Amino acid sequence: MEITDKVVLSASPIRTVKVSARDEVFRIVQLQGNLFVCSKAHGNCCCGWSEKGRAPVKVDIYQQEWERRRLRNKLHLSFTSCLGPCAVGNSALLQLVGRSIWFNDLNDDKFIPLIFDYVEALLKDHQALPPPELLEHIYERYLPSPTASSNPTALSVGDGTGNEVEESGLEGIDPVCLMEVDPATARWKSEYEGRTFYFCAKSCKKEFDSDPLAYL
């Protein structure tokens, strides 16, 4: 694929949004994006099928890279059934701040860390280009979206939708696993730069204490 424009993303602070479900209100951490990986183990029809000429999809390597780089509070990782463009599998879809970046022909494990290199580059520099080795494995599948001003059904979160956005979103949230924690009953906590953080488990506290800035 020929790259003619840089991918431009906007920075976003960590915050939560209050969402109602089943007559309860939950605080959901707002992320910057999601990586979807098509996987045979999750019920697809082509990606990962060696009998159809595809390489196995190493979900464990994706998981390890995601955990090792501590991206949980920035990017969600999902393994899915069919993403659609079967002819060019193995496939993956990266969505960051409204942009959909499609990956094709990921039939070598070497592409997995490169995808995460690209994610980290975009999170640091919102005009970053993909690693050279990925250029031939990225394409645009979706048609351009209409602008919000021309789309009468477009909703702005926290503006008339009933979802309240909280700027200080990590208060009462485990910053490692992003689960809501009751400070009154939490067994584990840490102090950092004048703030108190609570954890659902000792393992989360240990991860946070090792590198607090990775989760803030």
N, C-alpha and C. Protein backbone atom coordinates (compact mmCIF):
# COMPACT_ATOMS: atom_id res chain seq x y z
N MET A 1 0.83 -1.19 0.00
CA MET A 1 0.00 0.00 0.00
C MET A 1 0.87 1.25 0.00
N GLU A 2 0.53 2.22 -0.80
CA GLU A 2 1.26 3.48 -0.83
C GLU A 2 0.74 4.40 0.26
N ILE A 3 1.61 4.89 1.13
CA ILE A 3 1.22 5.79 2.20
C ILE A 3 1.36 7.22 1.70
N THR A 4 0.26 7.94 1.64
CA THR A 4 0.29 9.31 1.13
C THR A 4 0.09 10.33 2.24
N ASP A 5 -0.53 9.93 3.37
CA ASP A 5 -0.77 10.84 4.46
C ASP A 5 -0.37 10.19 5.77
N LYS A 6 0.07 11.00 6.69
CA LYS A 6 0.37 10.50 8.01
C LYS A 6 -0.93 10.27 8.78
N VAL A 7 -0.91 9.29 9.66
CA VAL A 7 -2.05 9.05 10.55
C VAL A 7 -1.99 10.08 11.66
N VAL A 8 -3.02 10.89 11.77
CA VAL A 8 -3.04 11.95 12.77
C VAL A 8 -4.06 11.61 13.84
N LEU A 9 -3.60 11.46 15.07
CA LEU A 9 -4.48 11.16 16.19
C LEU A 9 -4.31 12.25 17.24
N SER A 10 -5.32 12.42 18.09
CA SER A 10 -5.25 13.44 19.13
C SER A 10 -5.05 12.79 20.48
N ALA A 11 -4.26 13.44 21.34
CA ALA A 11 -3.99 12.91 22.67
C ALA A 11 -5.26 12.96 23.50
N SER A 12 -5.37 12.01 24.45
CA SER A 12 -6.55 11.95 25.29
C SER A 12 -6.14 11.56 26.70
N PRO A 13 -6.55 12.34 27.73
CA PRO A 13 -6.21 11.98 29.10
C PRO A 13 -7.02 10.77 29.55
N ILE A 14 -6.49 10.06 30.56
CA ILE A 14 -7.23 8.94 31.11
C ILE A 14 -8.44 9.47 31.87
N ARG A 15 -9.59 8.95 31.57
CA ARG A 15 -10.82 9.37 32.25
C ARG A 15 -11.85 8.26 32.12
N THR A 16 -12.91 8.37 32.89
CA THR A 16 -13.96 7.37 32.85
C THR A 16 -15.27 8.00 32.41
N VAL A 17 -16.20 7.14 32.01
CA VAL A 17 -17.54 7.58 31.66
C VAL A 17 -18.52 6.71 32.44
N LYS A 18 -19.56 7.34 33.00
CA LYS A 18 -20.57 6.59 33.73
C LYS A 18 -21.59 6.04 32.75
N VAL A 19 -21.80 4.72 32.80
CA VAL A 19 -22.69 4.04 31.86
C VAL A 19 -23.69 3.20 32.65
N SER A 20 -24.96 3.31 32.31
CA SER A 20 -26.00 2.55 32.98
C SER A 20 -26.26 1.23 32.29
N ALA A 21 -26.41 0.16 33.08
CA ALA A 21 -26.75 -1.16 32.55
C ALA A 21 -27.40 -1.98 33.67
N ARG A 22 -28.51 -2.63 33.35
CA ARG A 22 -29.21 -3.50 34.31
C ARG A 22 -29.54 -2.77 35.60
N ASP A 23 -29.97 -1.49 35.45
CA ASP A 23 -30.37 -0.66 36.59
C ASP A 23 -29.21 -0.34 37.54
N GLU A 24 -27.98 -0.43 37.04
CA GLU A 24 -26.81 -0.03 37.81
C GLU A 24 -25.99 0.95 36.99
N VAL A 25 -25.15 1.72 37.68
CA VAL A 25 -24.26 2.66 37.02
C VAL A 25 -22.82 2.17 37.19
N PHE A 26 -22.11 2.05 36.07
CA PHE A 26 -20.75 1.56 36.08
C PHE A 26 -19.81 2.64 35.55
N ARG A 27 -18.60 2.69 36.08
CA ARG A 27 -17.58 3.63 35.58
C ARG A 27 -16.66 2.86 34.64
N ILE A 28 -16.68 3.25 33.39
CA ILE A 28 -15.90 2.58 32.35
C ILE A 28 -14.74 3.48 31.92
N VAL A 29 -13.54 2.93 31.95
CA VAL A 29 -12.37 3.69 31.52
C VAL A 29 -12.41 3.88 30.01
N GLN A 30 -12.26 5.13 29.58
CA GLN A 30 -12.24 5.42 28.15
C GLN A 30 -10.82 5.19 27.62
N LEU A 31 -10.73 4.34 26.62
CA LEU A 31 -9.44 4.00 26.03
C LEU A 31 -9.22 4.80 24.75
N GLN A 32 -8.00 4.71 24.24
CA GLN A 32 -7.70 5.39 22.98
C GLN A 32 -8.01 4.51 21.78
N GLY A 33 -8.17 3.20 21.99
CA GLY A 33 -8.47 2.36 20.84
C GLY A 33 -8.58 0.89 21.17
N ASN A 34 -8.66 0.08 20.11
CA ASN A 34 -8.85 -1.37 20.24
C ASN A 34 -8.14 -2.06 19.07
N LEU A 35 -7.49 -3.17 19.40
CA LEU A 35 -6.88 -4.00 18.36
C LEU A 35 -7.68 -5.30 18.28
N PHE A 36 -8.26 -5.57 17.10
CA PHE A 36 -9.01 -6.79 16.86
C PHE A 36 -8.16 -7.73 16.01
N VAL A 37 -8.02 -8.97 16.46
CA VAL A 37 -7.21 -9.96 15.75
C VAL A 37 -8.11 -11.13 15.37
N CYS A 38 -8.19 -11.43 14.09
CA CYS A 38 -9.00 -12.55 13.61
C CYS A 38 -8.29 -13.86 13.94
N SER A 39 -9.00 -14.79 14.58
CA SER A 39 -8.36 -15.99 15.09
C SER A 39 -9.21 -17.23 14.84
N LYS A 40 -8.60 -18.28 14.36
CA LYS A 40 -9.29 -19.55 14.12
C LYS A 40 -9.92 -20.08 15.41
N ALA A 41 -9.22 -19.90 16.53
CA ALA A 41 -9.71 -20.40 17.81
C ALA A 41 -11.00 -19.72 18.25
N HIS A 42 -11.34 -18.60 17.60
CA HIS A 42 -12.53 -17.86 17.99
C HIS A 42 -13.64 -17.95 16.94
N GLY A 43 -13.55 -18.96 16.06
CA GLY A 43 -14.67 -19.28 15.19
C GLY A 43 -14.69 -18.65 13.82
N ASN A 44 -13.52 -18.31 13.27
CA ASN A 44 -13.53 -17.72 11.93
C ASN A 44 -13.49 -18.80 10.85
N CYS A 45 -13.28 -18.36 9.60
CA CYS A 45 -13.33 -19.32 8.49
C CYS A 45 -12.03 -19.41 7.71
N CYS A 46 -11.08 -18.50 7.93
CA CYS A 46 -9.86 -18.51 7.12
C CYS A 46 -8.59 -18.20 7.92
N CYS A 47 -8.56 -17.08 8.63
CA CYS A 47 -7.33 -16.67 9.31
C CYS A 47 -6.88 -17.74 10.30
N GLY A 48 -5.61 -18.12 10.19
CA GLY A 48 -5.05 -19.12 11.06
C GLY A 48 -5.24 -20.55 10.59
N TRP A 49 -5.95 -20.73 9.47
CA TRP A 49 -6.20 -22.08 8.95
C TRP A 49 -5.03 -22.49 8.05
N SER A 50 -4.16 -23.36 8.54
CA SER A 50 -3.01 -23.80 7.74
C SER A 50 -3.45 -24.56 6.50
N GLU A 51 -4.59 -25.26 6.59
CA GLU A 51 -5.08 -26.00 5.43
C GLU A 51 -5.57 -25.08 4.32
N LYS A 52 -5.72 -23.77 4.62
CA LYS A 52 -6.09 -22.78 3.62
C LYS A 52 -4.94 -21.84 3.30
N GLY A 53 -3.74 -22.25 3.67
CA GLY A 53 -2.55 -21.48 3.31
C GLY A 53 -2.20 -20.35 4.25
N ARG A 54 -2.87 -20.27 5.40
CA ARG A 54 -2.57 -19.23 6.37
C ARG A 54 -1.70 -19.78 7.49
N ALA A 55 -0.89 -18.89 8.07
CA ALA A 55 -0.09 -19.29 9.22
C ALA A 55 -0.96 -19.31 10.47
N PRO A 56 -0.63 -20.13 11.45
CA PRO A 56 -1.38 -20.10 12.72
C PRO A 56 -1.32 -18.71 13.35
N VAL A 57 -2.42 -18.29 13.97
CA VAL A 57 -2.46 -17.00 14.67
C VAL A 57 -2.02 -17.24 16.11
N LYS A 58 -0.87 -16.71 16.48
CA LYS A 58 -0.30 -16.94 17.81
C LYS A 58 -0.91 -15.94 18.80
N VAL A 59 -2.08 -16.27 19.31
CA VAL A 59 -2.76 -15.35 20.22
C VAL A 59 -1.92 -15.11 21.48
N ASP A 60 -1.12 -16.08 21.88
CA ASP A 60 -0.31 -15.91 23.08
C ASP A 60 0.75 -14.83 22.88
N ILE A 61 1.28 -14.70 21.66
CA ILE A 61 2.29 -13.66 21.41
C ILE A 61 1.64 -12.29 21.43
N TYR A 62 0.46 -12.17 20.82
CA TYR A 62 -0.28 -10.91 20.89
C TYR A 62 -0.52 -10.53 22.35
N GLN A 63 -0.98 -11.49 23.14
CA GLN A 63 -1.28 -11.23 24.55
C GLN A 63 -0.03 -10.82 25.31
N GLN A 64 1.07 -11.50 25.06
CA GLN A 64 2.32 -11.19 25.76
C GLN A 64 2.83 -9.80 25.41
N GLU A 65 2.77 -9.43 24.13
CA GLU A 65 3.21 -8.09 23.72
C GLU A 65 2.34 -7.01 24.35
N TRP A 66 1.04 -7.25 24.35
CA TRP A 66 0.10 -6.29 24.93
C TRP A 66 0.35 -6.10 26.43
N GLU A 67 0.55 -7.19 27.14
CA GLU A 67 0.80 -7.11 28.57
C GLU A 67 2.18 -6.53 28.86
N ARG A 68 3.18 -6.95 28.11
CA ARG A 68 4.55 -6.50 28.35
C ARG A 68 4.68 -4.99 28.18
N ARG A 69 3.93 -4.45 27.23
CA ARG A 69 4.01 -3.01 26.96
C ARG A 69 3.04 -2.19 27.81
N ARG A 70 2.27 -2.87 28.66
CA ARG A 70 1.36 -2.21 29.61
C ARG A 70 0.41 -1.25 28.89
N LEU A 71 -0.29 -1.80 27.94
CA LEU A 71 -1.20 -1.00 27.12
C LEU A 71 -2.66 -1.11 27.56
N ARG A 72 -2.92 -1.82 28.65
CA ARG A 72 -4.31 -2.11 29.03
C ARG A 72 -5.14 -0.85 29.21
N ASN A 73 -4.56 0.23 29.76
CA ASN A 73 -5.34 1.44 29.99
C ASN A 73 -5.31 2.40 28.79
N LYS A 74 -4.77 1.91 27.67
CA LYS A 74 -4.74 2.72 26.46
C LYS A 74 -5.42 2.01 25.28
N LEU A 75 -5.21 0.70 25.19
CA LEU A 75 -5.68 -0.07 24.03
C LEU A 75 -6.24 -1.41 24.51
N HIS A 76 -7.45 -1.74 24.06
CA HIS A 76 -8.00 -3.05 24.39
C HIS A 76 -7.62 -4.03 23.29
N LEU A 77 -7.36 -5.28 23.68
CA LEU A 77 -7.00 -6.33 22.74
C LEU A 77 -8.13 -7.35 22.69
N SER A 78 -8.65 -7.60 21.48
CA SER A 78 -9.76 -8.54 21.29
C SER A 78 -9.41 -9.55 20.22
N PHE A 79 -9.70 -10.83 20.49
CA PHE A 79 -9.59 -11.88 19.49
C PHE A 79 -10.99 -12.20 19.00
N THR A 80 -11.17 -12.24 17.69
CA THR A 80 -12.51 -12.29 17.13
C THR A 80 -12.65 -13.42 16.12
N SER A 81 -13.90 -13.64 15.74
CA SER A 81 -14.18 -14.49 14.58
C SER A 81 -13.97 -13.64 13.33
N CYS A 82 -14.62 -13.96 12.24
CA CYS A 82 -14.32 -13.35 10.93
C CYS A 82 -14.43 -11.83 10.94
N LEU A 83 -13.36 -11.15 10.52
CA LEU A 83 -13.38 -9.70 10.34
C LEU A 83 -13.88 -9.30 8.96
N GLY A 84 -13.90 -10.25 8.03
CA GLY A 84 -14.49 -9.94 6.72
C GLY A 84 -13.62 -10.18 5.50
N PRO A 85 -12.46 -9.48 5.38
CA PRO A 85 -11.67 -9.60 4.14
C PRO A 85 -10.85 -10.89 4.12
N CYS A 86 -11.53 -12.01 3.94
CA CYS A 86 -10.89 -13.33 4.07
C CYS A 86 -9.77 -13.56 3.07
N ALA A 87 -9.89 -13.01 1.87
CA ALA A 87 -8.91 -13.28 0.82
C ALA A 87 -7.51 -12.80 1.18
N VAL A 88 -7.40 -11.81 2.07
CA VAL A 88 -6.09 -11.24 2.37
C VAL A 88 -5.63 -11.56 3.80
N GLY A 89 -6.26 -12.56 4.45
CA GLY A 89 -5.86 -12.94 5.80
C GLY A 89 -4.46 -13.57 5.83
N ASN A 90 -3.88 -13.57 6.97
CA ASN A 90 -4.40 -13.27 8.30
C ASN A 90 -4.62 -11.76 8.46
N SER A 91 -5.72 -11.43 9.15
CA SER A 91 -6.13 -10.03 9.24
C SER A 91 -6.19 -9.54 10.68
N ALA A 92 -6.04 -8.23 10.82
CA ALA A 92 -6.22 -7.56 12.10
C ALA A 92 -6.72 -6.15 11.82
N LEU A 93 -7.39 -5.56 12.80
CA LEU A 93 -7.94 -4.21 12.67
C LEU A 93 -7.57 -3.41 13.90
N LEU A 94 -6.90 -2.28 13.67
CA LEU A 94 -6.53 -1.37 14.74
C LEU A 94 -7.41 -0.12 14.64
N GLN A 95 -8.11 0.19 15.72
CA GLN A 95 -8.92 1.40 15.77
C GLN A 95 -8.37 2.32 16.84
N LEU A 96 -7.95 3.52 16.44
CA LEU A 96 -7.42 4.51 17.36
C LEU A 96 -8.06 5.86 17.07
N VAL A 97 -8.76 6.40 18.04
CA VAL A 97 -9.34 7.74 17.98
C VAL A 97 -10.07 7.98 16.66
N GLY A 98 -10.94 7.04 16.31
CA GLY A 98 -11.77 7.22 15.13
C GLY A 98 -11.17 6.75 13.82
N ARG A 99 -9.93 6.33 13.80
CA ARG A 99 -9.28 5.86 12.58
C ARG A 99 -9.22 4.33 12.59
N SER A 100 -9.60 3.72 11.49
CA SER A 100 -9.54 2.26 11.35
C SER A 100 -8.37 1.90 10.43
N ILE A 101 -7.41 1.15 10.97
CA ILE A 101 -6.20 0.77 10.25
C ILE A 101 -6.23 -0.74 10.07
N TRP A 102 -6.34 -1.19 8.83
CA TRP A 102 -6.46 -2.62 8.53
C TRP A 102 -5.11 -3.22 8.18
N PHE A 103 -4.87 -4.42 8.72
CA PHE A 103 -3.64 -5.16 8.43
C PHE A 103 -3.98 -6.42 7.65
N ASN A 104 -3.22 -6.70 6.61
CA ASN A 104 -3.46 -7.88 5.78
C ASN A 104 -2.21 -8.75 5.71
N ASP A 105 -2.41 -10.01 5.38
CA ASP A 105 -1.32 -10.96 5.13
C ASP A 105 -0.32 -11.01 6.29
N LEU A 106 -0.85 -11.15 7.50
CA LEU A 106 0.01 -11.24 8.68
C LEU A 106 0.41 -12.70 8.91
N ASN A 107 1.06 -13.27 7.93
CA ASN A 107 1.38 -14.69 7.98
C ASN A 107 2.82 -14.96 8.42
N ASP A 108 3.26 -14.17 9.38
CA ASP A 108 4.57 -14.36 9.98
C ASP A 108 4.52 -13.73 11.37
N ASP A 109 5.03 -14.43 12.36
CA ASP A 109 4.99 -13.92 13.73
C ASP A 109 5.76 -12.61 13.91
N LYS A 110 6.67 -12.32 12.99
CA LYS A 110 7.48 -11.11 13.12
C LYS A 110 6.63 -9.84 13.05
N PHE A 111 5.42 -9.94 12.46
CA PHE A 111 4.58 -8.76 12.32
C PHE A 111 3.90 -8.38 13.64
N ILE A 112 3.80 -9.30 14.57
CA ILE A 112 3.08 -9.02 15.82
C ILE A 112 3.76 -7.91 16.63
N PRO A 113 5.06 -8.03 16.95
CA PRO A 113 5.69 -6.92 17.67
C PRO A 113 5.74 -5.64 16.86
N LEU A 114 5.78 -5.74 15.54
CA LEU A 114 5.79 -4.53 14.72
C LEU A 114 4.47 -3.78 14.83
N ILE A 115 3.36 -4.51 14.93
CA ILE A 115 2.06 -3.85 15.11
C ILE A 115 2.04 -3.09 16.43
N PHE A 116 2.57 -3.70 17.48
CA PHE A 116 2.60 -3.03 18.77
C PHE A 116 3.62 -1.90 18.79
N ASP A 117 4.70 -2.02 18.02
CA ASP A 117 5.62 -0.90 17.86
C ASP A 117 4.88 0.30 17.26
N TYR A 118 4.05 0.01 16.28
CA TYR A 118 3.27 1.06 15.61
C TYR A 118 2.28 1.69 16.58
N VAL A 119 1.61 0.86 17.38
CA VAL A 119 0.67 1.38 18.38
C VAL A 119 1.39 2.33 19.32
N GLU A 120 2.52 1.90 19.86
CA GLU A 120 3.25 2.74 20.81
C GLU A 120 3.76 4.02 20.15
N ALA A 121 4.16 3.92 18.89
CA ALA A 121 4.62 5.11 18.18
C ALA A 121 3.48 6.12 18.02
N LEU A 122 2.28 5.63 17.71
CA LEU A 122 1.13 6.52 17.55
C LEU A 122 0.72 7.15 18.87
N LEU A 123 0.85 6.40 19.95
CA LEU A 123 0.49 6.94 21.25
C LEU A 123 1.46 8.03 21.70
N LYS A 124 2.71 7.96 21.23
CA LYS A 124 3.71 8.97 21.57
C LYS A 124 3.72 10.12 20.58
N ASP A 125 3.59 9.80 19.32
CA ASP A 125 3.63 10.79 18.24
C ASP A 125 2.45 10.51 17.32
N HIS A 126 1.45 11.34 17.39
CA HIS A 126 0.20 11.06 16.68
C HIS A 126 0.31 11.20 15.17
N GLN A 127 1.49 11.55 14.68
CA GLN A 127 1.71 11.61 13.24
C GLN A 127 2.70 10.53 12.78
N ALA A 128 2.93 9.55 13.63
CA ALA A 128 3.90 8.50 13.30
C ALA A 128 3.42 7.66 12.12
N LEU A 129 4.36 7.24 11.31
CA LEU A 129 4.08 6.32 10.21
C LEU A 129 4.38 4.89 10.65
N PRO A 130 3.82 3.91 9.95
CA PRO A 130 4.09 2.51 10.32
C PRO A 130 5.56 2.15 10.11
N PRO A 131 6.05 1.14 10.81
CA PRO A 131 7.38 0.62 10.51
C PRO A 131 7.46 0.20 9.05
N PRO A 132 8.58 0.39 8.39
CA PRO A 132 8.69 0.07 6.96
C PRO A 132 8.23 -1.34 6.61
N GLU A 133 8.49 -2.30 7.51
CA GLU A 133 8.13 -3.69 7.24
C GLU A 133 6.62 -3.90 7.19
N LEU A 134 5.85 -2.93 7.72
CA LEU A 134 4.39 -3.06 7.74
C LEU A 134 3.69 -2.34 6.59
N LEU A 135 4.43 -1.55 5.84
CA LEU A 135 3.80 -0.70 4.82
C LEU A 135 2.98 -1.50 3.82
N GLU A 136 3.48 -2.67 3.43
CA GLU A 136 2.75 -3.48 2.45
C GLU A 136 1.66 -4.33 3.10
N HIS A 137 1.45 -4.14 4.38
CA HIS A 137 0.45 -4.93 5.10
C HIS A 137 -0.62 -4.06 5.73
N ILE A 138 -0.78 -2.83 5.22
CA ILE A 138 -1.79 -1.88 5.72
C ILE A 138 -2.60 -1.38 4.55
N TYR A 139 -3.90 -1.31 4.73
CA TYR A 139 -4.76 -0.77 3.68
C TYR A 139 -6.00 -0.13 4.29
N GLU A 140 -6.72 0.65 3.47
CA GLU A 140 -7.96 1.30 3.89
C GLU A 140 -9.14 0.48 3.38
N ARG A 141 -9.92 -0.08 4.27
CA ARG A 141 -11.07 -0.86 3.86
C ARG A 141 -12.36 -0.05 3.86
N TYR A 142 -12.49 0.87 4.80
CA TYR A 142 -13.73 1.62 4.94
C TYR A 142 -13.73 2.88 4.06
N LEU A 143 -14.91 3.23 3.60
CA LEU A 143 -15.09 4.51 2.94
C LEU A 143 -14.96 5.64 3.97
N PRO A 144 -14.59 6.84 3.52
CA PRO A 144 -14.48 7.96 4.47
C PRO A 144 -15.80 8.19 5.19
N SER A 145 -15.72 8.48 6.48
CA SER A 145 -16.92 8.74 7.27
C SER A 145 -17.39 10.17 7.08
N PRO A 146 -18.70 10.39 7.12
CA PRO A 146 -19.20 11.77 7.10
C PRO A 146 -18.79 12.48 8.37
N THR A 147 -18.65 13.81 8.30
CA THR A 147 -18.28 14.56 9.49
C THR A 147 -19.45 14.58 10.45
N ALA A 148 -19.14 14.81 11.73
CA ALA A 148 -20.20 14.82 12.74
C ALA A 148 -21.25 15.88 12.44
N SER A 149 -20.81 17.03 11.86
CA SER A 149 -21.76 18.12 11.60
C SER A 149 -22.77 17.76 10.53
N SER A 150 -22.40 16.79 9.66
CA SER A 150 -23.31 16.40 8.59
C SER A 150 -24.06 15.12 8.91
N ASN A 151 -23.79 14.55 10.09
CA ASN A 151 -24.42 13.30 10.49
C ASN A 151 -25.41 13.57 11.61
N PRO A 152 -26.71 13.58 11.32
CA PRO A 152 -27.70 13.93 12.35
C PRO A 152 -27.78 12.91 13.47
N THR A 153 -27.21 11.70 13.30
CA THR A 153 -27.30 10.69 14.35
C THR A 153 -26.05 10.65 15.21
N ALA A 154 -25.05 11.51 14.89
CA ALA A 154 -23.81 11.50 15.66
C ALA A 154 -24.07 11.96 17.09
N LEU A 155 -23.46 11.25 18.06
CA LEU A 155 -23.62 11.59 19.46
C LEU A 155 -22.28 12.00 20.05
N SER A 156 -22.33 12.95 20.92
CA SER A 156 -21.13 13.38 21.63
C SER A 156 -21.23 12.89 23.06
N VAL A 157 -20.31 12.02 23.46
CA VAL A 157 -20.36 11.44 24.80
C VAL A 157 -20.26 12.54 25.84
N GLY A 158 -21.16 12.53 26.82
CA GLY A 158 -21.16 13.52 27.86
C GLY A 158 -21.88 14.79 27.46
N ASP A 159 -22.51 14.80 26.31
CA ASP A 159 -23.21 15.99 25.82
C ASP A 159 -24.58 15.57 25.33
N GLY A 160 -25.49 15.38 26.26
CA GLY A 160 -26.86 15.04 25.89
C GLY A 160 -27.12 13.56 25.73
N THR A 161 -26.14 12.70 26.03
CA THR A 161 -26.35 11.27 25.86
C THR A 161 -26.72 10.58 27.17
N GLY A 162 -26.58 11.29 28.28
CA GLY A 162 -26.82 10.68 29.58
C GLY A 162 -25.58 10.03 30.17
N ASN A 163 -24.46 10.06 29.44
CA ASN A 163 -23.21 9.48 29.93
C ASN A 163 -22.31 10.59 30.45
N GLU A 164 -22.06 10.59 31.75
CA GLU A 164 -21.27 11.64 32.36
C GLU A 164 -19.79 11.31 32.32
N VAL A 165 -18.99 12.20 31.73
CA VAL A 165 -17.55 12.00 31.63
C VAL A 165 -16.86 12.58 32.85
N GLU A 166 -15.92 11.82 33.42
CA GLU A 166 -15.15 12.26 34.56
C GLU A 166 -13.70 12.44 34.16
N GLU A 167 -13.18 13.66 34.35
CA GLU A 167 -11.81 13.92 33.96
C GLU A 167 -10.81 13.19 34.86
N SER A 168 -11.08 13.13 36.18
CA SER A 168 -10.17 12.42 37.10
C SER A 168 -10.62 10.98 37.21
N GLY A 169 -10.57 10.28 36.09
CA GLY A 169 -11.24 9.00 35.98
C GLY A 169 -10.65 7.84 36.74
N LEU A 170 -9.40 7.96 37.25
CA LEU A 170 -8.80 6.81 37.92
C LEU A 170 -9.11 6.76 39.41
N GLU A 171 -9.85 7.72 39.93
CA GLU A 171 -10.19 7.67 41.34
C GLU A 171 -11.14 6.51 41.58
N GLY A 172 -10.72 5.57 42.45
CA GLY A 172 -11.55 4.40 42.73
C GLY A 172 -11.49 3.34 41.66
N ILE A 173 -10.53 3.47 40.73
CA ILE A 173 -10.33 2.49 39.65
C ILE A 173 -8.95 1.87 39.81
N ASP A 174 -8.87 0.56 39.76
CA ASP A 174 -7.57 -0.11 39.74
C ASP A 174 -6.87 0.29 38.43
N PRO A 175 -5.74 1.04 38.50
CA PRO A 175 -5.12 1.54 37.27
C PRO A 175 -4.47 0.47 36.41
N VAL A 176 -4.32 -0.74 36.93
CA VAL A 176 -3.69 -1.81 36.17
C VAL A 176 -4.72 -2.62 35.39
N CYS A 177 -5.74 -3.15 36.07
CA CYS A 177 -6.74 -3.98 35.39
C CYS A 177 -7.99 -3.21 35.02
N LEU A 178 -8.10 -1.94 35.49
CA LEU A 178 -9.20 -1.03 35.15
C LEU A 178 -10.54 -1.45 35.76
N MET A 179 -10.51 -2.27 36.79
CA MET A 179 -11.73 -2.64 37.50
C MET A 179 -12.03 -1.59 38.57
N GLU A 180 -13.33 -1.36 38.83
CA GLU A 180 -13.71 -0.43 39.87
C GLU A 180 -13.45 -1.06 41.24
N VAL A 181 -12.87 -0.28 42.15
CA VAL A 181 -12.49 -0.77 43.47
C VAL A 181 -13.08 0.16 44.53
N ASP A 182 -13.65 -0.40 45.56
CA ASP A 182 -14.19 0.39 46.66
C ASP A 182 -13.06 0.72 47.63
N PRO A 183 -12.68 2.00 47.76
CA PRO A 183 -11.58 2.36 48.66
C PRO A 183 -11.83 1.92 50.10
N ALA A 184 -13.06 1.82 50.49
CA ALA A 184 -13.37 1.47 51.87
C ALA A 184 -13.06 0.01 52.19
N THR A 185 -13.06 -0.83 51.18
CA THR A 185 -12.84 -2.26 51.40
C THR A 185 -11.60 -2.81 50.71
N ALA A 186 -10.92 -1.99 49.91
CA ALA A 186 -9.75 -2.46 49.17
C ALA A 186 -8.64 -2.87 50.12
N ARG A 187 -8.03 -4.01 49.86
CA ARG A 187 -6.94 -4.52 50.72
C ARG A 187 -5.58 -3.97 50.32
N TRP A 188 -5.45 -3.52 49.08
CA TRP A 188 -4.16 -3.07 48.59
C TRP A 188 -4.25 -1.64 48.07
N LYS A 189 -3.28 -0.82 48.42
CA LYS A 189 -3.25 0.56 47.95
C LYS A 189 -1.81 1.04 47.86
N SER A 190 -1.60 2.09 47.06
CA SER A 190 -0.29 2.71 46.92
C SER A 190 -0.46 4.22 46.87
N GLU A 191 0.55 4.92 47.38
CA GLU A 191 0.58 6.38 47.31
C GLU A 191 1.57 6.78 46.21
N TYR A 192 1.13 7.72 45.36
CA TYR A 192 2.03 8.20 44.30
C TYR A 192 1.70 9.64 43.98
N GLU A 193 2.68 10.53 44.16
CA GLU A 193 2.56 11.95 43.86
C GLU A 193 1.31 12.55 44.49
N GLY A 194 1.11 12.23 45.77
CA GLY A 194 0.01 12.82 46.51
C GLY A 194 -1.36 12.20 46.27
N ARG A 195 -1.41 11.15 45.47
CA ARG A 195 -2.67 10.48 45.18
C ARG A 195 -2.63 9.05 45.72
N THR A 196 -3.80 8.55 46.10
CA THR A 196 -3.92 7.18 46.58
C THR A 196 -4.60 6.32 45.53
N PHE A 197 -3.99 5.20 45.19
CA PHE A 197 -4.54 4.28 44.20
C PHE A 197 -4.86 2.96 44.89
N TYR A 198 -6.02 2.40 44.54
CA TYR A 198 -6.49 1.17 45.15
C TYR A 198 -6.49 0.04 44.12
N PHE A 199 -6.29 -1.19 44.60
CA PHE A 199 -6.11 -2.32 43.70
C PHE A 199 -7.00 -3.48 44.12
N CYS A 200 -7.41 -4.25 43.11
CA CYS A 200 -8.27 -5.41 43.37
C CYS A 200 -7.46 -6.62 43.81
N ALA A 201 -6.16 -6.61 43.53
CA ALA A 201 -5.32 -7.76 43.86
C ALA A 201 -3.89 -7.30 44.11
N LYS A 202 -3.14 -8.11 44.85
CA LYS A 202 -1.75 -7.81 45.15
C LYS A 202 -0.91 -7.72 43.89
N SER A 203 -1.23 -8.57 42.89
CA SER A 203 -0.47 -8.57 41.64
C SER A 203 -0.60 -7.24 40.91
N CYS A 204 -1.79 -6.62 40.96
CA CYS A 204 -1.97 -5.32 40.31
C CYS A 204 -1.16 -4.24 41.02
N LYS A 205 -1.15 -4.27 42.36
CA LYS A 205 -0.35 -3.32 43.11
C LYS A 205 1.13 -3.46 42.76
N LYS A 206 1.60 -4.70 42.66
CA LYS A 206 3.00 -4.94 42.33
C LYS A 206 3.35 -4.37 40.96
N GLU A 207 2.47 -4.59 39.97
CA GLU A 207 2.71 -4.06 38.63
C GLU A 207 2.77 -2.54 38.65
N PHE A 208 1.83 -1.92 39.38
CA PHE A 208 1.79 -0.46 39.45
C PHE A 208 3.04 0.09 40.12
N ASP A 209 3.42 -0.48 41.25
CA ASP A 209 4.58 0.01 42.00
C ASP A 209 5.88 -0.08 41.20
N SER A 210 5.94 -1.04 40.27
CA SER A 210 7.16 -1.22 39.48
C SER A 210 7.35 -0.08 38.48
N ASP A 211 6.25 0.54 38.04
CA ASP A 211 6.34 1.63 37.06
C ASP A 211 5.02 2.39 37.00
N PRO A 212 4.76 3.25 37.98
CA PRO A 212 3.47 3.96 38.05
C PRO A 212 3.12 4.75 36.78
N LEU A 213 4.10 5.39 36.17
CA LEU A 213 3.80 6.23 34.99
C LEU A 213 3.27 5.43 33.82
N ALA A 214 3.53 4.13 33.81
CA ALA A 214 3.02 3.30 32.71
C ALA A 214 1.51 3.16 32.78
N TYR A 215 0.91 3.46 33.93
CA TYR A 215 -0.52 3.26 34.10
C TYR A 215 -1.28 4.57 34.31
N LEU A 216 -0.58 5.70 34.18
CA LEU A 216 -1.22 6.99 34.39
C LEU A 216 -1.21 7.84 33.13
